[in-house]
Amino acid sequence: MARINWTLVRRDYISGKVKKDGKLKHYSAKDLAEKYGCSQSAVQKKCLEEEWPKKRKEYWQNVEQDVLAKKQQDQVEKVNQFDQDIFSLACFAVEILKDKISTQKQVGHGETSGGFEETVADLNIATLEVRRVMEAAKMAQDIRGSAMGDIAESQAEKSLNKLTEIIREERRNRKVS
């Protein structure tokens, strides 16, 4: 009888095999005896002596934990990307508003009297557009927070607060000018 490589037998028993259909197959003592050319009783004896069932259970618990950790990490990366997208949207809205305010200041001090009124109307439209964009961003952030169970104030919420402060500051500066 050939010498049995118990390391391979143990590995197959503990880790099993993923079949073509993606399902896991756990080898029985009979399966391993046939595969490695030894008696079923020899496999059963080794299995009990070295606590292979316990090791199999521990192995698959670790695999499950690793898979769960990977899924959680992927989800965290998606949430971080979402937060970054919301922050970028807020920055874009601020740039639109700053551009409109800058245009208002330039035209407001220009030669034509009608230009100031047109620019104020444009500024009001831009402010409304920015407000709508920010409301949509806030709603998206709230949905993300609900879906993720996020209780702490998110980066996007902080960004929205900062945007509100910038808008107020720009309005104060506009009144002073």
N, C-alpha and C. Protein backbone atom coordinates (compact mmCIF):
# COMPACT_ATOMS: atom_id res chain seq x y z
N MET A 1 0.84 -1.18 0.00
CA MET A 1 0.00 0.00 0.00
C MET A 1 0.89 1.25 0.00
N ALA A 2 0.52 2.23 -0.81
CA ALA A 2 1.31 3.46 -0.94
C ALA A 2 1.16 4.31 0.32
N ARG A 3 2.19 5.09 0.55
CA ARG A 3 2.18 6.00 1.70
C ARG A 3 1.17 7.12 1.44
N ILE A 4 0.35 7.43 2.42
CA ILE A 4 -0.71 8.44 2.29
C ILE A 4 -0.17 9.80 2.70
N ASN A 5 -0.46 10.80 1.91
CA ASN A 5 -0.09 12.17 2.25
C ASN A 5 -1.24 12.76 3.07
N TRP A 6 -1.14 12.65 4.38
CA TRP A 6 -2.21 13.06 5.27
C TRP A 6 -2.42 14.58 5.27
N THR A 7 -1.40 15.31 4.90
CA THR A 7 -1.55 16.76 4.80
C THR A 7 -2.58 17.11 3.73
N LEU A 8 -2.51 16.43 2.59
CA LEU A 8 -3.48 16.67 1.52
C LEU A 8 -4.88 16.18 1.91
N VAL A 9 -4.92 15.03 2.57
CA VAL A 9 -6.22 14.49 3.00
C VAL A 9 -6.87 15.47 3.98
N ARG A 10 -6.09 15.93 4.95
CA ARG A 10 -6.60 16.89 5.94
C ARG A 10 -7.06 18.18 5.26
N ARG A 11 -6.25 18.69 4.33
CA ARG A 11 -6.61 19.92 3.61
C ARG A 11 -7.94 19.75 2.88
N ASP A 12 -8.09 18.64 2.17
CA ASP A 12 -9.34 18.40 1.43
C ASP A 12 -10.53 18.26 2.37
N TYR A 13 -10.33 17.60 3.50
CA TYR A 13 -11.42 17.42 4.44
C TYR A 13 -11.86 18.77 5.01
N ILE A 14 -10.88 19.58 5.40
CA ILE A 14 -11.19 20.86 6.06
C ILE A 14 -11.74 21.89 5.07
N SER A 15 -11.08 22.05 3.93
CA SER A 15 -11.48 23.12 3.00
C SER A 15 -12.52 22.70 1.99
N GLY A 16 -12.63 21.41 1.72
CA GLY A 16 -13.60 20.96 0.74
C GLY A 16 -13.20 21.40 -0.66
N LYS A 17 -14.20 21.44 -1.54
CA LYS A 17 -13.94 21.80 -2.93
C LYS A 17 -15.14 22.57 -3.46
N VAL A 18 -14.88 23.64 -4.19
CA VAL A 18 -15.95 24.39 -4.83
C VAL A 18 -16.20 23.75 -6.18
N LYS A 19 -17.43 23.32 -6.38
CA LYS A 19 -17.79 22.65 -7.63
C LYS A 19 -18.00 23.68 -8.74
N LYS A 20 -18.14 23.19 -9.96
CA LYS A 20 -18.32 24.07 -11.12
C LYS A 20 -19.55 24.95 -11.00
N ASP A 21 -20.57 24.46 -10.33
CA ASP A 21 -21.79 25.24 -10.16
C ASP A 21 -21.67 26.27 -9.03
N GLY A 22 -20.49 26.35 -8.40
CA GLY A 22 -20.25 27.33 -7.35
C GLY A 22 -20.60 26.86 -5.95
N LYS A 23 -21.14 25.67 -5.83
CA LYS A 23 -21.50 25.14 -4.51
C LYS A 23 -20.31 24.42 -3.89
N LEU A 24 -20.29 24.41 -2.59
CA LEU A 24 -19.22 23.79 -1.84
C LEU A 24 -19.51 22.31 -1.63
N LYS A 25 -18.49 21.51 -1.83
CA LYS A 25 -18.61 20.08 -1.55
C LYS A 25 -17.66 19.75 -0.41
N HIS A 26 -18.22 19.26 0.69
CA HIS A 26 -17.40 18.76 1.78
C HIS A 26 -17.15 17.28 1.53
N TYR A 27 -15.90 16.90 1.62
CA TYR A 27 -15.55 15.50 1.42
C TYR A 27 -15.89 14.68 2.67
N SER A 28 -16.41 13.50 2.44
CA SER A 28 -16.64 12.55 3.54
C SER A 28 -15.40 11.67 3.66
N ALA A 29 -15.35 10.91 4.75
CA ALA A 29 -14.24 9.97 4.94
C ALA A 29 -14.20 8.98 3.78
N LYS A 30 -15.36 8.56 3.32
CA LYS A 30 -15.44 7.62 2.19
C LYS A 30 -14.88 8.25 0.92
N ASP A 31 -15.27 9.51 0.63
CA ASP A 31 -14.77 10.22 -0.55
C ASP A 31 -13.25 10.31 -0.52
N LEU A 32 -12.70 10.68 0.63
CA LEU A 32 -11.25 10.85 0.76
C LEU A 32 -10.52 9.51 0.67
N ALA A 33 -11.10 8.48 1.23
CA ALA A 33 -10.49 7.15 1.14
C ALA A 33 -10.37 6.72 -0.31
N GLU A 34 -11.42 6.94 -1.08
CA GLU A 34 -11.39 6.59 -2.50
C GLU A 34 -10.40 7.47 -3.26
N LYS A 35 -10.38 8.75 -2.97
CA LYS A 35 -9.50 9.69 -3.67
C LYS A 35 -8.02 9.40 -3.42
N TYR A 36 -7.68 9.05 -2.17
CA TYR A 36 -6.27 8.88 -1.80
C TYR A 36 -5.84 7.43 -1.66
N GLY A 37 -6.74 6.51 -1.94
CA GLY A 37 -6.37 5.08 -1.95
C GLY A 37 -6.04 4.51 -0.58
N CYS A 38 -6.85 4.81 0.40
CA CYS A 38 -6.66 4.25 1.73
C CYS A 38 -8.01 3.79 2.26
N SER A 39 -8.03 3.24 3.43
CA SER A 39 -9.30 2.76 3.98
C SER A 39 -10.09 3.89 4.62
N GLN A 40 -11.38 3.73 4.58
CA GLN A 40 -12.27 4.72 5.20
C GLN A 40 -12.02 4.79 6.70
N SER A 41 -11.74 3.66 7.33
CA SER A 41 -11.50 3.65 8.77
C SER A 41 -10.22 4.41 9.12
N ALA A 42 -9.20 4.37 8.24
CA ALA A 42 -7.96 5.12 8.48
C ALA A 42 -8.24 6.62 8.45
N VAL A 43 -9.05 7.04 7.50
CA VAL A 43 -9.40 8.46 7.40
C VAL A 43 -10.21 8.88 8.62
N GLN A 44 -11.18 8.06 9.02
CA GLN A 44 -12.00 8.38 10.18
C GLN A 44 -11.15 8.47 11.45
N LYS A 45 -10.19 7.55 11.58
CA LYS A 45 -9.31 7.56 12.75
C LYS A 45 -8.50 8.86 12.82
N LYS A 46 -7.87 9.22 11.68
CA LYS A 46 -7.08 10.46 11.62
C LYS A 46 -7.97 11.68 11.88
N CYS A 47 -9.15 11.62 11.32
CA CYS A 47 -10.12 12.71 11.46
C CYS A 47 -10.44 12.95 12.94
N LEU A 48 -10.67 11.91 13.68
CA LEU A 48 -10.98 12.04 15.10
C LEU A 48 -9.76 12.42 15.93
N GLU A 49 -8.62 11.81 15.63
CA GLU A 49 -7.40 12.10 16.39
C GLU A 49 -7.00 13.58 16.28
N GLU A 50 -7.12 14.13 15.08
CA GLU A 50 -6.65 15.49 14.83
C GLU A 50 -7.77 16.53 14.82
N GLU A 51 -8.96 16.13 15.22
CA GLU A 51 -10.11 17.03 15.34
C GLU A 51 -10.41 17.80 14.05
N TRP A 52 -10.46 17.07 12.95
CA TRP A 52 -10.72 17.72 11.67
C TRP A 52 -12.10 18.38 11.60
N PRO A 53 -13.17 17.80 12.17
CA PRO A 53 -14.47 18.50 12.11
C PRO A 53 -14.42 19.88 12.77
N LYS A 54 -13.73 19.96 13.90
CA LYS A 54 -13.59 21.24 14.59
C LYS A 54 -12.80 22.22 13.72
N LYS A 55 -11.74 21.74 13.11
CA LYS A 55 -10.91 22.59 12.25
C LYS A 55 -11.67 23.03 11.01
N ARG A 56 -12.52 22.13 10.48
CA ARG A 56 -13.35 22.49 9.32
C ARG A 56 -14.29 23.63 9.69
N LYS A 57 -14.93 23.50 10.83
CA LYS A 57 -15.87 24.52 11.29
C LYS A 57 -15.16 25.86 11.47
N GLU A 58 -14.00 25.85 12.13
CA GLU A 58 -13.22 27.07 12.34
C GLU A 58 -12.79 27.69 11.01
N TYR A 59 -12.35 26.83 10.10
CA TYR A 59 -11.90 27.30 8.79
C TYR A 59 -13.03 28.05 8.08
N TRP A 60 -14.22 27.44 8.04
CA TRP A 60 -15.32 28.06 7.31
C TRP A 60 -15.88 29.28 8.04
N GLN A 61 -15.77 29.30 9.34
CA GLN A 61 -16.15 30.52 10.07
C GLN A 61 -15.21 31.67 9.69
N ASN A 62 -13.93 31.37 9.58
CA ASN A 62 -12.96 32.39 9.17
C ASN A 62 -13.21 32.86 7.74
N VAL A 63 -13.54 31.91 6.86
CA VAL A 63 -13.85 32.28 5.47
C VAL A 63 -15.06 33.21 5.45
N GLU A 64 -16.10 32.86 6.19
CA GLU A 64 -17.30 33.70 6.25
C GLU A 64 -16.97 35.09 6.80
N GLN A 65 -16.15 35.16 7.83
CA GLN A 65 -15.77 36.46 8.39
C GLN A 65 -14.99 37.28 7.37
N ASP A 66 -14.09 36.62 6.64
CA ASP A 66 -13.32 37.32 5.61
C ASP A 66 -14.22 37.86 4.51
N VAL A 67 -15.18 37.05 4.08
CA VAL A 67 -16.12 37.48 3.04
C VAL A 67 -16.95 38.65 3.54
N LEU A 68 -17.44 38.56 4.77
CA LEU A 68 -18.23 39.64 5.35
C LEU A 68 -17.39 40.92 5.47
N ALA A 69 -16.16 40.78 5.92
CA ALA A 69 -15.28 41.95 6.05
C ALA A 69 -15.04 42.60 4.69
N LYS A 70 -14.87 41.78 3.66
CA LYS A 70 -14.65 42.30 2.30
C LYS A 70 -15.90 43.04 1.82
N LYS A 71 -17.08 42.46 2.06
CA LYS A 71 -18.32 43.13 1.66
C LYS A 71 -18.47 44.46 2.39
N GLN A 72 -18.15 44.47 3.69
CA GLN A 72 -18.26 45.70 4.46
C GLN A 72 -17.28 46.75 3.94
N GLN A 73 -16.07 46.32 3.63
CA GLN A 73 -15.07 47.25 3.10
C GLN A 73 -15.53 47.83 1.76
N ASP A 74 -16.09 46.98 0.90
CA ASP A 74 -16.62 47.45 -0.38
C ASP A 74 -17.72 48.48 -0.15
N GLN A 75 -18.58 48.21 0.82
CA GLN A 75 -19.69 49.12 1.11
C GLN A 75 -19.16 50.44 1.65
N VAL A 76 -18.16 50.40 2.51
CA VAL A 76 -17.56 51.62 3.05
C VAL A 76 -16.96 52.44 1.91
N GLU A 77 -16.29 51.78 0.97
CA GLU A 77 -15.71 52.49 -0.17
C GLU A 77 -16.79 53.14 -1.02
N LYS A 78 -17.91 52.45 -1.21
CA LYS A 78 -19.02 53.03 -1.97
C LYS A 78 -19.59 54.24 -1.25
N VAL A 79 -19.75 54.14 0.06
CA VAL A 79 -20.28 55.25 0.84
C VAL A 79 -19.32 56.43 0.79
N ASN A 80 -18.04 56.17 0.92
CA ASN A 80 -17.05 57.25 0.85
C ASN A 80 -17.07 57.93 -0.51
N GLN A 81 -17.21 57.13 -1.58
CA GLN A 81 -17.30 57.70 -2.92
C GLN A 81 -18.55 58.54 -3.07
N PHE A 82 -19.65 58.04 -2.51
CA PHE A 82 -20.91 58.79 -2.54
C PHE A 82 -20.74 60.12 -1.82
N ASP A 83 -20.15 60.09 -0.64
CA ASP A 83 -19.93 61.32 0.12
C ASP A 83 -19.03 62.28 -0.66
N GLN A 84 -18.02 61.75 -1.31
CA GLN A 84 -17.13 62.59 -2.12
C GLN A 84 -17.89 63.21 -3.29
N ASP A 85 -18.78 62.44 -3.91
CA ASP A 85 -19.59 62.97 -5.01
C ASP A 85 -20.49 64.10 -4.52
N ILE A 86 -21.10 63.92 -3.36
CA ILE A 86 -21.97 64.96 -2.80
C ILE A 86 -21.14 66.21 -2.49
N PHE A 87 -19.96 66.02 -1.93
CA PHE A 87 -19.08 67.15 -1.63
C PHE A 87 -18.70 67.88 -2.92
N SER A 88 -18.38 67.14 -3.97
CA SER A 88 -18.03 67.75 -5.26
C SER A 88 -19.21 68.55 -5.81
N LEU A 89 -20.40 68.00 -5.66
CA LEU A 89 -21.60 68.69 -6.10
C LEU A 89 -21.76 70.01 -5.34
N ALA A 90 -21.52 69.97 -4.05
CA ALA A 90 -21.62 71.19 -3.23
C ALA A 90 -20.59 72.22 -3.68
N CYS A 91 -19.38 71.77 -3.96
CA CYS A 91 -18.32 72.68 -4.42
C CYS A 91 -18.71 73.30 -5.76
N PHE A 92 -19.28 72.50 -6.64
CA PHE A 92 -19.73 72.99 -7.94
C PHE A 92 -20.80 74.07 -7.75
N ALA A 93 -21.74 73.82 -6.85
CA ALA A 93 -22.80 74.79 -6.58
C ALA A 93 -22.22 76.10 -6.05
N VAL A 94 -21.24 76.02 -5.19
CA VAL A 94 -20.58 77.22 -4.66
C VAL A 94 -19.92 78.00 -5.79
N GLU A 95 -19.26 77.30 -6.70
CA GLU A 95 -18.61 77.98 -7.82
C GLU A 95 -19.62 78.70 -8.70
N ILE A 96 -20.77 78.08 -8.94
CA ILE A 96 -21.83 78.74 -9.73
C ILE A 96 -22.26 80.01 -9.03
N LEU A 97 -22.49 79.90 -7.74
CA LEU A 97 -22.95 81.05 -6.98
C LEU A 97 -21.90 82.15 -6.95
N LYS A 98 -20.65 81.79 -6.73
CA LYS A 98 -19.58 82.80 -6.72
C LYS A 98 -19.48 83.49 -8.07
N ASP A 99 -19.61 82.71 -9.14
CA ASP A 99 -19.54 83.28 -10.48
C ASP A 99 -20.68 84.28 -10.70
N LYS A 100 -21.87 83.92 -10.28
CA LYS A 100 -23.01 84.83 -10.44
C LYS A 100 -22.84 86.08 -9.59
N ILE A 101 -22.32 85.93 -8.39
CA ILE A 101 -22.10 87.10 -7.51
C ILE A 101 -21.03 88.00 -8.11
N SER A 102 -19.97 87.39 -8.62
CA SER A 102 -18.91 88.15 -9.25
C SER A 102 -19.45 88.92 -10.45
N THR A 103 -20.28 88.27 -11.26
CA THR A 103 -20.88 88.92 -12.43
C THR A 103 -21.76 90.07 -11.98
N GLN A 104 -22.50 89.87 -10.91
CA GLN A 104 -23.39 90.91 -10.39
C GLN A 104 -22.58 92.13 -9.96
N LYS A 105 -21.47 91.88 -9.28
CA LYS A 105 -20.65 93.00 -8.81
C LYS A 105 -20.06 93.77 -9.98
N GLN A 106 -19.62 93.04 -11.03
CA GLN A 106 -19.03 93.70 -12.19
C GLN A 106 -20.07 94.52 -12.94
N VAL A 107 -21.22 93.93 -13.18
CA VAL A 107 -22.25 94.63 -13.93
C VAL A 107 -22.89 95.71 -13.08
N GLY A 108 -23.03 95.47 -11.80
CA GLY A 108 -23.64 96.46 -10.89
C GLY A 108 -22.89 97.77 -10.85
N HIS A 109 -21.63 97.73 -11.13
CA HIS A 109 -20.82 98.96 -11.12
C HIS A 109 -20.52 99.43 -12.54
N GLY A 110 -21.20 98.84 -13.51
CA GLY A 110 -20.96 99.19 -14.92
C GLY A 110 -21.75 100.41 -15.34
N GLU A 111 -21.76 100.65 -16.68
CA GLU A 111 -22.37 101.86 -17.21
C GLU A 111 -23.88 101.75 -17.36
N THR A 112 -24.42 100.56 -17.64
CA THR A 112 -25.84 100.45 -17.94
C THR A 112 -26.65 100.23 -16.69
N SER A 113 -27.78 100.87 -16.60
CA SER A 113 -28.62 100.73 -15.42
C SER A 113 -29.41 99.44 -15.45
N GLY A 114 -29.79 98.95 -16.63
CA GLY A 114 -30.57 97.71 -16.73
C GLY A 114 -29.75 96.48 -16.40
N GLY A 115 -28.45 96.55 -16.52
CA GLY A 115 -27.58 95.39 -16.28
C GLY A 115 -27.65 94.88 -14.87
N PHE A 116 -27.73 95.80 -13.92
CA PHE A 116 -27.79 95.40 -12.51
C PHE A 116 -29.05 94.59 -12.22
N GLU A 117 -30.18 95.06 -12.69
CA GLU A 117 -31.44 94.36 -12.45
C GLU A 117 -31.43 92.99 -13.12
N GLU A 118 -30.90 92.91 -14.34
CA GLU A 118 -30.82 91.61 -15.02
C GLU A 118 -29.91 90.65 -14.26
N THR A 119 -28.81 91.18 -13.75
CA THR A 119 -27.87 90.34 -13.01
C THR A 119 -28.47 89.86 -11.70
N VAL A 120 -29.21 90.73 -11.03
CA VAL A 120 -29.88 90.33 -9.79
C VAL A 120 -30.88 89.22 -10.10
N ALA A 121 -31.61 89.35 -11.19
CA ALA A 121 -32.56 88.29 -11.58
C ALA A 121 -31.79 87.00 -11.87
N ASP A 122 -30.66 87.12 -12.60
CA ASP A 122 -29.83 85.93 -12.86
C ASP A 122 -29.33 85.33 -11.56
N LEU A 123 -28.93 86.19 -10.63
CA LEU A 123 -28.42 85.72 -9.33
C LEU A 123 -29.52 84.98 -8.56
N ASN A 124 -30.73 85.52 -8.59
CA ASN A 124 -31.84 84.85 -7.92
C ASN A 124 -32.10 83.48 -8.54
N ILE A 125 -32.05 83.40 -9.86
CA ILE A 125 -32.23 82.11 -10.54
C ILE A 125 -31.10 81.17 -10.16
N ALA A 126 -29.86 81.67 -10.16
CA ALA A 126 -28.72 80.83 -9.79
C ALA A 126 -28.84 80.35 -8.35
N THR A 127 -29.26 81.25 -7.46
CA THR A 127 -29.42 80.87 -6.07
C THR A 127 -30.48 79.79 -5.94
N LEU A 128 -31.57 79.92 -6.68
CA LEU A 128 -32.62 78.91 -6.67
C LEU A 128 -32.10 77.58 -7.22
N GLU A 129 -31.31 77.66 -8.31
CA GLU A 129 -30.73 76.45 -8.88
C GLU A 129 -29.80 75.76 -7.89
N VAL A 130 -28.96 76.56 -7.24
CA VAL A 130 -28.05 76.01 -6.25
C VAL A 130 -28.82 75.39 -5.10
N ARG A 131 -29.86 76.07 -4.64
CA ARG A 131 -30.68 75.54 -3.55
C ARG A 131 -31.31 74.20 -3.95
N ARG A 132 -31.83 74.11 -5.17
CA ARG A 132 -32.43 72.86 -5.63
C ARG A 132 -31.38 71.73 -5.70
N VAL A 133 -30.22 72.06 -6.22
CA VAL A 133 -29.14 71.06 -6.29
C VAL A 133 -28.77 70.59 -4.90
N MET A 134 -28.66 71.54 -3.98
CA MET A 134 -28.26 71.18 -2.62
C MET A 134 -29.36 70.40 -1.89
N GLU A 135 -30.63 70.73 -2.17
CA GLU A 135 -31.72 69.95 -1.58
C GLU A 135 -31.71 68.52 -2.09
N ALA A 136 -31.45 68.38 -3.40
CA ALA A 136 -31.36 67.03 -3.97
C ALA A 136 -30.18 66.27 -3.37
N ALA A 137 -29.07 66.97 -3.18
CA ALA A 137 -27.89 66.34 -2.57
C ALA A 137 -28.19 65.92 -1.13
N LYS A 138 -28.89 66.78 -0.42
CA LYS A 138 -29.24 66.47 0.97
C LYS A 138 -30.18 65.27 1.03
N MET A 139 -31.16 65.23 0.13
CA MET A 139 -32.08 64.08 0.09
C MET A 139 -31.32 62.80 -0.22
N ALA A 140 -30.40 62.87 -1.16
CA ALA A 140 -29.60 61.69 -1.50
C ALA A 140 -28.77 61.25 -0.30
N GLN A 141 -28.22 62.22 0.41
CA GLN A 141 -27.42 61.91 1.59
C GLN A 141 -28.28 61.29 2.68
N ASP A 142 -29.49 61.80 2.86
CA ASP A 142 -30.40 61.23 3.86
C ASP A 142 -30.75 59.79 3.51
N ILE A 143 -31.00 59.54 2.24
CA ILE A 143 -31.31 58.17 1.80
C ILE A 143 -30.11 57.27 2.08
N ARG A 144 -28.94 57.74 1.74
CA ARG A 144 -27.72 56.95 2.00
C ARG A 144 -27.57 56.69 3.48
N GLY A 145 -27.81 57.70 4.29
CA GLY A 145 -27.69 57.55 5.74
C GLY A 145 -28.68 56.54 6.28
N SER A 146 -29.91 56.59 5.78
CA SER A 146 -30.93 55.63 6.23
C SER A 146 -30.56 54.22 5.82
N ALA A 147 -30.09 54.08 4.59
CA ALA A 147 -29.74 52.75 4.09
C ALA A 147 -28.54 52.17 4.83
N MET A 148 -27.62 53.02 5.23
CA MET A 148 -26.40 52.55 5.88
C MET A 148 -26.50 52.57 7.40
N GLY A 149 -27.59 53.11 7.92
CA GLY A 149 -27.71 53.20 9.37
C GLY A 149 -26.77 54.23 9.95
N ASP A 150 -26.45 55.24 9.17
CA ASP A 150 -25.49 56.27 9.57
C ASP A 150 -26.16 57.24 10.53
N ILE A 151 -25.67 57.32 11.77
CA ILE A 151 -26.26 58.20 12.77
C ILE A 151 -25.44 59.48 12.89
N ALA A 152 -24.13 59.36 12.77
CA ALA A 152 -23.26 60.52 12.93
C ALA A 152 -23.44 61.48 11.76
N GLU A 153 -23.12 62.75 12.01
CA GLU A 153 -23.22 63.74 10.94
C GLU A 153 -22.21 63.39 9.86
N SER A 154 -22.67 63.30 8.64
CA SER A 154 -21.82 62.85 7.53
C SER A 154 -20.98 64.00 6.98
N GLN A 155 -20.02 63.64 6.18
CA GLN A 155 -19.18 64.63 5.54
C GLN A 155 -20.01 65.52 4.63
N ALA A 156 -20.98 64.95 3.95
CA ALA A 156 -21.81 65.75 3.05
C ALA A 156 -22.64 66.76 3.84
N GLU A 157 -23.15 66.37 4.98
CA GLU A 157 -23.92 67.30 5.80
C GLU A 157 -23.03 68.44 6.27
N LYS A 158 -21.81 68.13 6.64
CA LYS A 158 -20.86 69.17 7.03
C LYS A 158 -20.60 70.10 5.84
N SER A 159 -20.48 69.51 4.65
CA SER A 159 -20.25 70.30 3.45
C SER A 159 -21.43 71.21 3.16
N LEU A 160 -22.64 70.69 3.35
CA LEU A 160 -23.83 71.51 3.13
C LEU A 160 -23.87 72.67 4.12
N ASN A 161 -23.51 72.40 5.36
CA ASN A 161 -23.45 73.48 6.36
C ASN A 161 -22.42 74.53 5.97
N LYS A 162 -21.27 74.08 5.50
CA LYS A 162 -20.21 74.99 5.06
C LYS A 162 -20.69 75.81 3.86
N LEU A 163 -21.38 75.15 2.93
CA LEU A 163 -21.92 75.85 1.76
C LEU A 163 -22.90 76.93 2.20
N THR A 164 -23.77 76.62 3.11
CA THR A 164 -24.74 77.60 3.62
C THR A 164 -24.01 78.79 4.21
N GLU A 165 -22.97 78.53 4.97
CA GLU A 165 -22.18 79.61 5.57
C GLU A 165 -21.50 80.46 4.50
N ILE A 166 -20.98 79.83 3.46
CA ILE A 166 -20.33 80.58 2.36
C ILE A 166 -21.35 81.46 1.66
N ILE A 167 -22.53 80.90 1.41
CA ILE A 167 -23.58 81.68 0.74
C ILE A 167 -23.96 82.88 1.59
N ARG A 168 -24.14 82.67 2.88
CA ARG A 168 -24.48 83.79 3.78
C ARG A 168 -23.38 84.85 3.77
N GLU A 169 -22.13 84.38 3.80
CA GLU A 169 -21.01 85.31 3.79
C GLU A 169 -20.98 86.11 2.49
N GLU A 170 -21.22 85.44 1.37
CA GLU A 170 -21.24 86.13 0.07
C GLU A 170 -22.37 87.15 0.03
N ARG A 171 -23.51 86.82 0.60
CA ARG A 171 -24.63 87.76 0.63
C ARG A 171 -24.29 88.98 1.49
N ARG A 172 -23.64 88.73 2.64
CA ARG A 172 -23.21 89.86 3.49
C ARG A 172 -22.22 90.75 2.73
N ASN A 173 -21.28 90.11 2.05
CA ASN A 173 -20.30 90.87 1.27
C ASN A 173 -20.97 91.67 0.16
N ARG A 174 -21.99 91.08 -0.44
CA ARG A 174 -22.71 91.75 -1.53
C ARG A 174 -23.44 92.98 -0.99
N LYS A 175 -24.03 92.88 0.21
CA LYS A 175 -24.74 94.01 0.79
C LYS A 175 -23.79 95.13 1.15
N VAL A 176 -22.58 94.75 1.59
CA VAL A 176 -21.59 95.75 1.98
C VAL A 176 -21.03 96.48 0.76
N SER A 177 -20.89 95.78 -0.35
CA SER A 177 -20.29 96.37 -1.56
C SER A 177 -21.11 97.45 -2.17
